[in-house]
Protein backbone atom coordinates (compact mmCIF):
# COMPACT_ATOMS: atom_id res chain seq x y z
CA MET A 1 -0.36 -0.11 -0.15
CA ASP A 2 1.40 3.24 -1.05
CA PHE A 3 0.74 6.64 0.47
CA SER A 4 -1.79 7.72 -1.83
CA GLU A 5 -4.06 5.19 -0.47
CA ALA A 6 -3.35 5.24 3.04
CA CYS A 7 -4.46 8.41 2.89
CA LYS A 8 -7.85 7.21 1.66
CA TRP A 9 -8.61 4.76 4.44
CA GLU A 10 -6.84 6.64 7.44
CA PRO A 11 -7.65 9.79 8.50
CA ALA A 12 -5.91 12.80 7.51
CA SER A 13 -3.75 13.08 10.79
CA ARG A 14 -2.52 9.63 10.77
CA CYS A 15 -1.20 9.81 7.01
CA ILE A 16 0.50 12.79 7.50
CA CYS A 17 2.63 11.79 10.51
CA TYR A 18 3.07 8.38 8.72
CA PHE A 19 4.66 10.87 5.55
CA PHE A 20 6.73 12.88 8.40
CA TYR A 21 7.62 9.39 9.41
CA ILE A 22 8.69 7.81 5.95
CA GLN A 23 10.56 11.63 5.36
CA ALA A 24 13.17 10.73 8.64
CA ARG A 25 13.94 7.77 8.02
CA THR A 26 14.96 8.08 4.55
CA ASP A 27 16.37 11.65 5.04
CA SER A 28 18.47 9.87 7.78
CA LEU A 29 19.77 6.67 5.57
CA ASN A 30 20.56 8.94 2.70
CA GLN A 31 22.72 11.32 4.89
CA THR A 32 26.92 10.45 5.24
CA PRO A 33 28.76 10.76 9.04
CA GLN A 34 29.90 14.82 9.27
CA PRO A 35 33.07 15.07 10.51
CA PRO A 36 33.04 16.44 13.70
CA MET A 37 33.56 20.42 13.43
CA GLU A 38 37.09 22.45 14.01
CA GLN A 39 37.05 25.45 15.61
CA GLN A 40 40.13 27.50 16.69
CA ILE A 41 40.15 29.12 19.58
CA PRO A 42 41.78 32.81 19.79
CA VAL A 43 44.34 33.43 22.25
CA ASN A 44 45.00 37.33 23.75
CA THR A 45 48.57 37.24 24.27
CA MET A 46 47.69 40.95 25.79
CA PRO A 47 48.00 41.30 29.38
CA GLN A 48 44.77 42.40 30.25
CA ASP A 49 44.23 45.23 33.41
CA GLN A 50 42.56 43.16 37.32
CA PRO A 51 39.80 44.95 37.08
CA GLU A 52 39.08 46.58 40.68
CA LYS A 53 37.43 44.75 43.60
CA SER A 54 33.87 45.78 44.62
CA PRO A 55 32.86 45.38 47.81
CA SER A 56 31.21 42.28 48.33
CA ALA A 57 27.73 41.94 49.62
CA PHE A 58 28.10 40.91 52.96
CA GLU A 59 30.57 44.27 53.21
CA GLU A 60 27.67 46.19 52.45
CA LEU A 61 24.73 45.00 54.71
CA PRO A 62 24.24 46.06 57.37
CA GLU A 63 26.17 45.12 60.91
CA PRO A 64 22.71 43.75 62.76
CA ILE A 65 22.19 41.74 59.63
CA ARG A 66 25.36 40.51 59.41
CA GLU A 67 25.77 39.35 63.27
CA ILE A 68 22.64 36.83 62.66
CA GLY A 69 23.51 35.77 59.43
CA GLN A 70 27.06 34.83 61.43
CA MET A 71 24.52 33.36 64.24
CA ALA A 72 22.42 31.49 61.39
CA SER A 73 26.00 29.86 59.98
CA GLU A 74 27.53 29.13 63.35
CA ALA A 75 24.48 27.03 64.16
CA PHE A 76 24.61 25.45 61.35
CA ASN A 77 28.42 24.46 61.05
CA GLU A 78 27.58 23.12 64.80
CA PHE A 79 24.07 21.17 64.11
CA LYS A 80 26.48 19.39 60.91
CA GLN A 81 28.71 18.30 63.00
CA SER A 82 26.38 17.24 66.00
CA GLU A 83 24.64 12.68 65.89
CA THR A 84 21.20 14.11 64.30
CA TYR A 85 22.74 15.34 61.17
CA GLU A 86 24.35 11.59 60.68
CA GLN A 87 20.85 10.17 61.89
CA ILE A 88 19.21 12.52 58.89
CA LEU A 89 21.38 11.09 56.76
CA ASP A 90 21.56 7.96 57.59
CA ALA A 91 17.97 7.45 57.05
CA LYS A 92 18.10 9.85 53.52
CA GLU A 93 20.00 7.02 52.42
CA LYS A 94 18.38 4.19 53.56
CA ALA A 95 15.14 6.11 51.97
CA HIS A 96 17.33 6.34 48.56
CA ASN A 97 17.89 2.63 48.50
CA TYR A 98 14.21 1.58 49.44
CA ILE A 99 13.16 3.56 47.01
CA THR A 100 16.06 1.78 44.72
CA ASP A 101 14.93 -1.61 45.23
CA ASN A 102 11.26 -1.08 45.30
CA PRO A 103 10.08 1.71 43.01
CA VAL A 104 6.80 0.06 42.13
CA LYS A 105 5.76 0.64 46.03
CA SER A 106 7.58 3.72 46.47
CA PHE A 107 5.30 5.24 43.71
CA PHE A 108 2.06 3.85 45.31
CA TYR A 109 2.94 4.93 49.04
CA ALA A 110 3.87 8.87 47.26
CA LEU A 111 0.19 8.42 45.56
CA GLY A 112 -1.66 7.30 48.77
CA ALA A 113 -0.13 10.07 50.89
CA GLY A 114 -0.43 13.25 48.05
CA THR A 115 -3.91 11.82 48.61
CA VAL A 116 -4.37 11.38 51.52
CA LEU A 117 -2.90 15.21 51.82
CA GLY A 118 -5.43 16.17 48.79
CA PHE A 119 -7.91 15.56 50.74
CA ILE A 120 -6.79 17.03 54.03
CA LEU A 121 -5.12 20.31 52.32
CA LYS A 122 -8.49 20.41 50.06
CA ARG A 123 -9.36 23.96 49.55
CA ASN A 124 -13.51 23.81 50.09
CA LYS A 125 -15.08 26.49 47.03
């Protein structure tokens, strides 16, 4: 059955897709492999002036905000060194391993949890 006969008996959208599919296949079979493009990168041998350093965003902050940022950074560093952080990392690794070992079960658990949360948090209109 050639293309003209196919268009008589099948819907037009299917014929158009079939036509482009055949055209793409014949185009890809007729192409010869091209060698990779080579490109020369220009090299600038002249020394460039270093731009002046602008004040960092940290230096532009007001003092109280800078102190709060430093306190938060110190608190996070202490948390990273705690045993709780290690337990969180272990739980994350166990969850990752369970998901990779049981993808279908994990999908349905997530689907169920999403459904339950959707019903709980659903807005009444």
